[in-house]
Amino acid sequence: MTDLGSGIPRVLLGTSPFIAAGQFGHRAMLYYRRFYGRPKVIAGVICRAYDVGVRGIQLLPYRFVVDAVKLAEDRLGARFAVIGTIARERDMEALRDLDVRALLLHGEVTDSRDEGRIGSLLDLIREAGAMAGLATHRPLSTLDWLSRGNLDVDVLMLPFNMMGYFMDGRPEEVIRAIRSLGKPVIAKKTLAAGTLDPEGALTYVADAGCVHAVAVGVASEEEAEETLAEAVRLFR
């Protein structure tokens, strides 16, 4: 496993539930009502994540989510390591006041395969002093594309789970491709949008031995206490 040192914690709080992302299916509307535009509610989940040992956030640059992170930091008197996902240069401004360790280009940008645009954005990220990386919705094809191209990335974020959900290849194929490319990887969708048992799913990812970190989204303070505590235990 390629290491990122102390720059990125091994367990990150994901923020997709807070924006009611589409992969949650029928639960997306519930998450929308619970979280969308409600930074105080989100801050409660973030604080509970901190209580169980989470020190990093995989952050989508929605203003109310950024406000929630700042509110939680004020309550806790602590700072989170932020790994931001951006689609354009102006998204960087939304994260300006946070402790940004890495910025990853959104999967829609990465999966466009526009090497010129991607390379320019990666350069801007590095000029801002952060690690520059890519997120993707298509892990196997993206790993293959990078192995044949000239782009230099510091870190990748990709879907990875025991059932191959939200992936374009079998888990064992993705494991081989990750090891072949030799870049640090953050795994997302490890619970397949909440369809897999957390303990078994996270144990599988930890035992695969090919990812540096996991980003895990939760939809309540209780889930933060249970699921994220398990992730922290497995990814010490």
C-alpha atoms as a PDB file:
ATOM      1  CA  MET A   1       0.000   0.000   0.000  1.00  0.00           C
ATOM      2  CA  THR A   2       1.395   3.389  -0.992  1.00  0.00           C
ATOM      3  CA  ASP A   3       1.447   5.744   1.997  1.00  0.00           C
ATOM      4  CA  LEU A   4       0.516   9.416   2.165  1.00  0.00           C
ATOM      5  CA  GLY A   5       2.235   9.992   5.487  1.00  0.00           C
ATOM      6  CA  SER A   6       0.397  12.259   7.905  1.00  0.00           C
ATOM      7  CA  GLY A   7      -1.233  14.444   5.250  1.00  0.00           C
ATOM      8  CA  ILE A   8      -4.490  12.511   4.999  1.00  0.00           C
ATOM      9  CA  PRO A   9      -6.075  10.676   7.946  1.00  0.00           C
ATOM     10  CA  ARG A  10      -7.031   7.078   7.281  1.00  0.00           C
ATOM     11  CA  VAL A  11     -10.719   7.616   8.093  1.00  0.00           C
ATOM     12  CA  LEU A  12     -12.625  10.508   6.529  1.00  0.00           C
ATOM     13  CA  LEU A  13     -16.191  11.582   7.129  1.00  0.00           C
ATOM     14  CA  GLY A  14     -17.931  11.599   3.754  1.00  0.00           C
ATOM     15  CA  THR A  15     -20.457  14.324   3.002  1.00  0.00           C
ATOM     16  CA  SER A  16     -22.656  12.780   0.281  1.00  0.00           C
ATOM     17  CA  PRO A  17     -25.601  12.129   2.648  1.00  0.00           C
ATOM     18  CA  PHE A  18     -25.639  15.824   3.572  1.00  0.00           C
ATOM     19  CA  ILE A  19     -26.322  16.810  -0.051  1.00  0.00           C
ATOM     20  CA  ALA A  20     -28.797  13.937  -0.570  1.00  0.00           C
ATOM     21  CA  ALA A  21     -26.717  12.413  -3.373  1.00  0.00           C
ATOM     22  CA  GLY A  22     -28.594  10.289  -5.876  1.00  0.00           C
ATOM     23  CA  GLN A  23     -26.848   7.007  -5.076  1.00  0.00           C
ATOM     24  CA  PHE A  24     -28.941   6.738  -1.906  1.00  0.00           C
ATOM     25  CA  GLY A  25     -32.088   6.065  -3.921  1.00  0.00           C
ATOM     26  CA  HIS A  26     -35.338   6.382  -1.976  1.00  0.00           C
ATOM     27  CA  ARG A  27     -33.398   7.548   1.118  1.00  0.00           C
ATOM     28  CA  ALA A  28     -32.120  10.619  -0.715  1.00  0.00           C
ATOM     29  CA  MET A  29     -35.357  12.504  -0.028  1.00  0.00           C
ATOM     30  CA  LEU A  30     -35.107  11.666   3.667  1.00  0.00           C
ATOM     31  CA  TYR A  31     -31.541  12.954   3.742  1.00  0.00           C
ATOM     32  CA  TYR A  32     -32.589  16.072   1.849  1.00  0.00           C
ATOM     33  CA  ARG A  33     -35.197  16.896   4.480  1.00  0.00           C
ATOM     34  CA  ARG A  34     -32.823  16.114   7.319  1.00  0.00           C
ATOM     35  CA  PHE A  35     -29.671  17.865   6.149  1.00  0.00           C
ATOM     36  CA  TYR A  36     -29.992  20.065   3.072  1.00  0.00           C
ATOM     37  CA  GLY A  37     -29.349  23.686   3.969  1.00  0.00           C
ATOM     38  CA  ARG A  38     -29.143  22.844   7.699  1.00  0.00           C
ATOM     39  CA  PRO A  39     -25.551  23.346   8.860  1.00  0.00           C
ATOM     40  CA  LYS A  40     -26.396  23.060  12.573  1.00  0.00           C
ATOM     41  CA  VAL A  41     -27.779  19.552  12.096  1.00  0.00           C
ATOM     42  CA  ILE A  42     -24.778  18.526  10.006  1.00  0.00           C
ATOM     43  CA  ALA A  43     -22.408  20.001  12.580  1.00  0.00           C
ATOM     44  CA  GLY A  44     -23.893  17.667  15.187  1.00  0.00           C
ATOM     45  CA  VAL A  45     -22.943  14.643  13.074  1.00  0.00           C
ATOM     46  CA  ILE A  46     -19.474  16.056  12.436  1.00  0.00           C
ATOM     47  CA  CYS A  47     -18.877  16.585  16.154  1.00  0.00           C
ATOM     48  CA  ARG A  48     -19.964  13.025  16.929  1.00  0.00           C
ATOM     49  CA  ALA A  49     -17.553  11.778  14.251  1.00  0.00           C
ATOM     50  CA  TYR A  50     -14.773  13.688  15.971  1.00  0.00           C
ATOM     51  CA  ASP A  51     -15.741  12.122  19.295  1.00  0.00           C
ATOM     52  CA  VAL A  52     -15.044   8.627  17.917  1.00  0.00           C
ATOM     53  CA  GLY A  53     -11.677   9.589  16.456  1.00  0.00           C
ATOM     54  CA  VAL A  54     -12.343  10.908  12.947  1.00  0.00           C
ATOM     55  CA  ARG A  55      -9.997  13.761  12.088  1.00  0.00           C
ATOM     56  CA  GLY A  56     -10.586  14.230   8.365  1.00  0.00           C
ATOM     57  CA  ILE A  57     -13.479  15.180   6.087  1.00  0.00           C
ATOM     58  CA  GLN A  58     -13.982  14.418   2.411  1.00  0.00           C
ATOM     59  CA  LEU A  59     -15.751  17.658   1.608  1.00  0.00           C
ATOM     60  CA  LEU A  60     -18.035  18.637  -1.246  1.00  0.00           C
ATOM     61  CA  PRO A  61     -17.945  22.440  -1.679  1.00  0.00           C
ATOM     62  CA  TYR A  62     -21.586  23.185  -0.877  1.00  0.00           C
ATOM     63  CA  ARG A  63     -21.778  26.369   1.172  1.00  0.00           C
ATOM     64  CA  PHE A  64     -24.042  24.959   3.898  1.00  0.00           C
ATOM     65  CA  VAL A  65     -21.746  21.922   4.321  1.00  0.00           C
ATOM     66  CA  VAL A  66     -18.661  24.141   4.527  1.00  0.00           C
ATOM     67  CA  ASP A  67     -20.506  26.268   7.107  1.00  0.00           C
ATOM     68  CA  ALA A  68     -21.265  23.099   9.074  1.00  0.00           C
ATOM     69  CA  VAL A  69     -17.582  22.150   9.164  1.00  0.00           C
ATOM     70  CA  LYS A  70     -16.652  25.602  10.444  1.00  0.00           C
ATOM     71  CA  LEU A  71     -19.411  25.467  13.057  1.00  0.00           C
ATOM     72  CA  ALA A  72     -18.204  22.054  14.257  1.00  0.00           C
ATOM     73  CA  GLU A  73     -14.615  23.271  14.403  1.00  0.00           C
ATOM     74  CA  ASP A  74     -15.701  26.236  16.520  1.00  0.00           C
ATOM     75  CA  ARG A  75     -17.605  23.956  18.900  1.00  0.00           C
ATOM     76  CA  LEU A  76     -14.726  21.510  19.193  1.00  0.00           C
ATOM     77  CA  GLY A  77     -11.859  23.997  19.226  1.00  0.00           C
ATOM     78  CA  ALA A  78     -10.168  21.754  16.654  1.00  0.00           C
ATOM     79  CA  ARG A  79      -9.445  21.634  12.941  1.00  0.00           C
ATOM     80  CA  PHE A  80     -10.228  18.857  10.495  1.00  0.00           C
ATOM     81  CA  ALA A  81      -7.955  17.782   7.670  1.00  0.00           C
ATOM     82  CA  VAL A  82     -10.010  18.517   4.558  1.00  0.00           C
ATOM     83  CA  ILE A  83      -9.863  16.552   1.332  1.00  0.00           C
ATOM     84  CA  GLY A  84     -12.010  18.557  -1.037  1.00  0.00           C
ATOM     85  CA  THR A  85     -13.706  17.475  -4.239  1.00  0.00           C
ATOM     86  CA  ILE A  86     -13.924  20.225  -6.838  1.00  0.00           C
ATOM     87  CA  ALA A  87     -15.192  20.571 -10.398  1.00  0.00           C
ATOM     88  CA  ARG A  88     -13.802  23.995 -11.287  1.00  0.00           C
ATOM     89  CA  GLU A  89     -11.338  26.613 -10.098  1.00  0.00           C
ATOM     90  CA  ARG A  90     -13.927  28.689  -8.220  1.00  0.00           C
ATOM     91  CA  ASP A  91     -14.740  25.724  -5.970  1.00  0.00           C
ATOM     92  CA  MET A  92     -11.324  26.199  -4.385  1.00  0.00           C
ATOM     93  CA  GLU A  93     -12.419  29.560  -3.004  1.00  0.00           C
ATOM     94  CA  ALA A  94     -15.273  27.971  -1.055  1.00  0.00           C
ATOM     95  CA  LEU A  95     -12.728  25.908   0.923  1.00  0.00           C
ATOM     96  CA  ARG A  96     -10.216  28.707   1.395  1.00  0.00           C
ATOM     97  CA  ASP A  97     -10.537  29.071   5.197  1.00  0.00           C
ATOM     98  CA  LEU A  98     -10.226  25.350   5.937  1.00  0.00           C
ATOM     99  CA  ASP A  99      -7.200  23.096   6.484  1.00  0.00           C
ATOM    100  CA  VAL A 100      -7.148  21.705   2.958  1.00  0.00           C
ATOM    101  CA  ARG A 101      -4.663  18.857   2.564  1.00  0.00           C
ATOM    102  CA  ALA A 102      -5.729  17.655  -0.887  1.00  0.00           C
ATOM    103  CA  LEU A 103      -8.088  18.645  -3.672  1.00  0.00           C
ATOM    104  CA  LEU A 104      -9.523  16.011  -5.985  1.00  0.00           C
ATOM    105  CA  LEU A 105     -11.203  16.682  -9.304  1.00  0.00           C
ATOM    106  CA  HIS A 106     -14.821  15.521  -9.354  1.00  0.00           C
ATOM    107  CA  GLY A 107     -15.603  12.265 -11.130  1.00  0.00           C
ATOM    108  CA  GLU A 108     -17.453  14.084 -13.900  1.00  0.00           C
ATOM    109  CA  VAL A 109     -14.238  15.954 -14.707  1.00  0.00           C
ATOM    110  CA  THR A 110     -11.970  12.933 -14.383  1.00  0.00           C
ATOM    111  CA  ASP A 111     -14.242  10.671 -16.393  1.00  0.00           C
ATOM    112  CA  SER A 112     -14.438  13.194 -19.241  1.00  0.00           C
ATOM    113  CA  ARG A 113     -10.818  12.197 -20.019  1.00  0.00           C
ATOM    114  CA  ASP A 114     -10.071  15.778 -21.079  1.00  0.00           C
ATOM    115  CA  GLU A 115      -6.370  15.589 -20.309  1.00  0.00           C
ATOM    116  CA  GLY A 116      -5.693  19.262 -21.029  1.00  0.00           C
ATOM    117  CA  ARG A 117      -8.400  20.545 -18.698  1.00  0.00           C
ATOM    118  CA  ILE A 118      -7.522  18.007 -16.026  1.00  0.00           C
ATOM    119  CA  GLY A 119      -3.814  18.816 -16.188  1.00  0.00           C
ATOM    120  CA  SER A 120      -4.491  22.556 -15.880  1.00  0.00           C
ATOM    121  CA  LEU A 121      -6.675  22.081 -12.808  1.00  0.00           C
ATOM    122  CA  LEU A 122      -4.113  19.782 -11.186  1.00  0.00           C
ATOM    123  CA  ASP A 123      -1.485  22.482 -11.705  1.00  0.00           C
ATOM    124  CA  LEU A 124      -3.733  25.086 -10.043  1.00  0.00           C
ATOM    125  CA  ILE A 125      -4.244  22.820  -7.057  1.00  0.00           C
ATOM    126  CA  ARG A 126      -0.528  22.330  -6.575  1.00  0.00           C
ATOM    127  CA  GLU A 127       0.073  26.065  -6.911  1.00  0.00           C
ATOM    128  CA  ALA A 128      -2.372  26.488  -4.007  1.00  0.00           C
ATOM    129  CA  GLY A 129      -0.183  24.210  -1.899  1.00  0.00           C
ATOM    130  CA  ALA A 130      -2.393  21.101  -1.742  1.00  0.00           C
ATOM    131  CA  MET A 131      -1.940  17.557  -2.952  1.00  0.00           C
ATOM    132  CA  ALA A 132      -3.612  17.184  -6.342  1.00  0.00           C
ATOM    133  CA  GLY A 133      -5.716  14.187  -7.235  1.00  0.00           C
ATOM    134  CA  LEU A 134      -8.644  12.704  -9.070  1.00  0.00           C
ATOM    135  CA  ALA A 135     -11.951  11.200  -8.036  1.00  0.00           C
ATOM    136  CA  THR A 136     -13.675   8.824 -10.426  1.00  0.00           C
ATOM    137  CA  HIS A 137     -16.921   6.903 -10.853  1.00  0.00           C
ATOM    138  CA  ARG A 138     -15.138   4.330 -13.035  1.00  0.00           C
ATOM    139  CA  PRO A 139     -12.217   2.901 -11.064  1.00  0.00           C
ATOM    140  CA  LEU A 140     -10.947   0.177 -13.380  1.00  0.00           C
ATOM    141  CA  SER A 141     -11.024   2.187 -16.597  1.00  0.00           C
ATOM    142  CA  THR A 142      -9.550   5.246 -14.869  1.00  0.00           C
ATOM    143  CA  LEU A 143      -6.658   3.271 -13.393  1.00  0.00           C
ATOM    144  CA  ASP A 144      -5.980   1.815 -16.837  1.00  0.00           C
ATOM    145  CA  TRP A 145      -6.190   5.261 -18.461  1.00  0.00           C
ATOM    146  CA  LEU A 146      -3.728   6.735 -15.978  1.00  0.00           C
ATOM    147  CA  SER A 147      -1.307   3.854 -16.471  1.00  0.00           C
ATOM    148  CA  ARG A 148      -1.175   4.659 -20.200  1.00  0.00           C
ATOM    149  CA  GLY A 149      -1.062   8.457 -19.945  1.00  0.00           C
ATOM    150  CA  ASN A 150       1.155  11.281 -18.777  1.00  0.00           C
ATOM    151  CA  LEU A 151      -0.855  12.819 -15.936  1.00  0.00           C
ATOM    152  CA  ASP A 152       0.888  12.979 -12.572  1.00  0.00           C
ATOM    153  CA  VAL A 153      -1.466  12.659  -9.597  1.00  0.00           C
ATOM    154  CA  ASP A 154      -0.739  12.545  -5.878  1.00  0.00           C
ATOM    155  CA  VAL A 155      -3.824  10.622  -4.798  1.00  0.00           C
ATOM    156  CA  LEU A 156      -6.948   8.952  -6.209  1.00  0.00           C
ATOM    157  CA  MET A 157     -10.423   8.469  -4.777  1.00  0.00           C
ATOM    158  CA  LEU A 158     -12.555   5.693  -6.207  1.00  0.00           C
ATOM    159  CA  PRO A 159     -15.493   3.415  -5.345  1.00  0.00           C
ATOM    160  CA  PHE A 160     -14.347   0.150  -3.797  1.00  0.00           C
ATOM    161  CA  ASN A 161     -16.432  -2.433  -1.962  1.00  0.00           C
ATOM    162  CA  MET A 162     -16.718  -6.182  -1.568  1.00  0.00           C
ATOM    163  CA  MET A 163     -19.650  -6.567  -3.980  1.00  0.00           C
ATOM    164  CA  GLY A 164     -18.363  -4.380  -6.803  1.00  0.00           C
ATOM    165  CA  TYR A 165     -21.343  -2.023  -6.516  1.00  0.00           C
ATOM    166  CA  PHE A 166     -20.865   1.340  -8.294  1.00  0.00           C
ATOM    167  CA  MET A 167     -17.694  -0.124  -9.885  1.00  0.00           C
ATOM    168  CA  ASP A 168     -16.849  -0.928 -13.501  1.00  0.00           C
ATOM    169  CA  GLY A 169     -14.891  -4.064 -12.637  1.00  0.00           C
ATOM    170  CA  ARG A 170     -14.680  -6.866 -10.129  1.00  0.00           C
ATOM    171  CA  PRO A 171     -13.021  -5.978  -6.818  1.00  0.00           C
ATOM    172  CA  GLU A 172     -10.070  -8.272  -7.502  1.00  0.00           C
ATOM    173  CA  GLU A 173      -9.466  -6.545 -10.846  1.00  0.00           C
ATOM    174  CA  VAL A 174      -9.479  -3.136  -9.177  1.00  0.00           C
ATOM    175  CA  ILE A 175      -7.082  -4.358  -6.471  1.00  0.00           C
ATOM    176  CA  ARG A 176      -4.600  -5.499  -9.125  1.00  0.00           C
ATOM    177  CA  ALA A 177      -4.921  -2.211 -11.008  1.00  0.00           C
ATOM    178  CA  ILE A 178      -4.378  -0.134  -7.849  1.00  0.00           C
ATOM    179  CA  ARG A 179      -1.237  -2.074  -7.013  1.00  0.00           C
ATOM    180  CA  SER A 180       0.030  -1.815 -10.579  1.00  0.00           C
ATOM    181  CA  LEU A 181      -0.384   1.978 -10.734  1.00  0.00           C
ATOM    182  CA  GLY A 182       1.234   2.490  -7.323  1.00  0.00           C
ATOM    183  CA  LYS A 183      -0.630   5.647  -6.313  1.00  0.00           C
ATOM    184  CA  PRO A 184      -2.266   6.255  -2.913  1.00  0.00           C
ATOM    185  CA  VAL A 185      -5.995   5.542  -2.965  1.00  0.00           C
ATOM    186  CA  ILE A 186      -8.943   6.732  -0.883  1.00  0.00           C
ATOM    187  CA  ALA A 187     -11.844   4.284  -1.082  1.00  0.00           C
ATOM    188  CA  LYS A 188     -15.393   5.641  -1.242  1.00  0.00           C
ATOM    189  CA  LYS A 189     -18.771   3.868  -1.458  1.00  0.00           C
ATOM    190  CA  THR A 190     -17.262   1.201   0.772  1.00  0.00           C
ATOM    191  CA  LEU A 191     -20.724   0.490   2.194  1.00  0.00           C
ATOM    192  CA  ALA A 192     -22.328   0.649  -1.274  1.00  0.00           C
ATOM    193  CA  ALA A 193     -24.528   3.600  -0.276  1.00  0.00           C
ATOM    194  CA  GLY A 194     -25.618   1.888   2.924  1.00  0.00           C
ATOM    195  CA  THR A 195     -26.576  -1.491   1.438  1.00  0.00           C
ATOM    196  CA  LEU A 196     -23.729  -3.472   3.066  1.00  0.00           C
ATOM    197  CA  ASP A 197     -23.164  -4.339   6.698  1.00  0.00           C
ATOM    198  CA  PRO A 198     -20.555  -1.851   7.973  1.00  0.00           C
ATOM    199  CA  GLU A 199     -18.397  -4.285   9.918  1.00  0.00           C
ATOM    200  CA  GLY A 200     -18.088  -6.823   7.118  1.00  0.00           C
ATOM    201  CA  ALA A 201     -17.742  -4.233   4.371  1.00  0.00           C
ATOM    202  CA  LEU A 202     -15.083  -2.206   6.144  1.00  0.00           C
ATOM    203  CA  THR A 203     -13.179  -5.313   7.211  1.00  0.00           C
ATOM    204  CA  TYR A 204     -13.017  -6.386   3.563  1.00  0.00           C
ATOM    205  CA  VAL A 205     -11.600  -3.027   2.475  1.00  0.00           C
ATOM    206  CA  ALA A 206      -9.069  -2.961   5.308  1.00  0.00           C
ATOM    207  CA  ASP A 207      -7.914  -6.521   4.596  1.00  0.00           C
ATOM    208  CA  ALA A 208      -7.546  -5.835   0.863  1.00  0.00           C
ATOM    209  CA  GLY A 209      -4.397  -3.904   1.757  1.00  0.00           C
ATOM    210  CA  CYS A 210      -4.499  -1.613  -1.270  1.00  0.00           C
ATOM    211  CA  VAL A 211      -6.073   1.628   0.033  1.00  0.00           C
ATOM    212  CA  HIS A 212      -4.628   4.321   2.279  1.00  0.00           C
ATOM    213  CA  ALA A 213      -7.906   5.751   3.555  1.00  0.00           C
ATOM    214  CA  VAL A 214     -11.681   5.370   3.491  1.00  0.00           C
ATOM    215  CA  ALA A 215     -14.370   8.033   3.171  1.00  0.00           C
ATOM    216  CA  VAL A 216     -17.547   6.953   4.950  1.00  0.00           C
ATOM    217  CA  GLY A 217     -20.750   8.963   4.944  1.00  0.00           C
ATOM    218  CA  VAL A 218     -23.277   8.612   7.766  1.00  0.00           C
ATOM    219  CA  ALA A 219     -26.800   9.925   8.158  1.00  0.00           C
ATOM    220  CA  SER A 220     -27.141  10.444  11.909  1.00  0.00           C
ATOM    221  CA  GLU A 221     -25.157  10.934  15.083  1.00  0.00           C
ATOM    222  CA  GLU A 222     -25.923   7.333  16.022  1.00  0.00           C
ATOM    223  CA  GLU A 223     -24.511   6.053  12.727  1.00  0.00           C
ATOM    224  CA  ALA A 224     -21.454   8.211  13.274  1.00  0.00           C
ATOM    225  CA  GLU A 225     -20.866   6.615  16.646  1.00  0.00           C
ATOM    226  CA  GLU A 226     -21.342   3.051  15.415  1.00  0.00           C
ATOM    227  CA  THR A 227     -20.040   2.966  11.840  1.00  0.00           C
ATOM    228  CA  LEU A 228     -17.200   5.439  12.117  1.00  0.00           C
ATOM    229  CA  ALA A 229     -15.969   3.948  15.362  1.00  0.00           C
ATOM    230  CA  GLU A 230     -15.649   0.625  13.496  1.00  0.00           C
ATOM    231  CA  ALA A 231     -13.768   2.326  10.662  1.00  0.00           C
ATOM    232  CA  VAL A 232     -11.369   3.978  13.101  1.00  0.00           C
ATOM    233  CA  ARG A 233     -10.733   0.614  14.760  1.00  0.00           C
ATOM    234  CA  LEU A 234      -9.964  -1.103  11.465  1.00  0.00           C
ATOM    235  CA  PHE A 235      -7.898   1.672   9.900  1.00  0.00           C
ATOM    236  CA  ARG A 236      -5.616   2.665  12.788  1.00  0.00           C
END
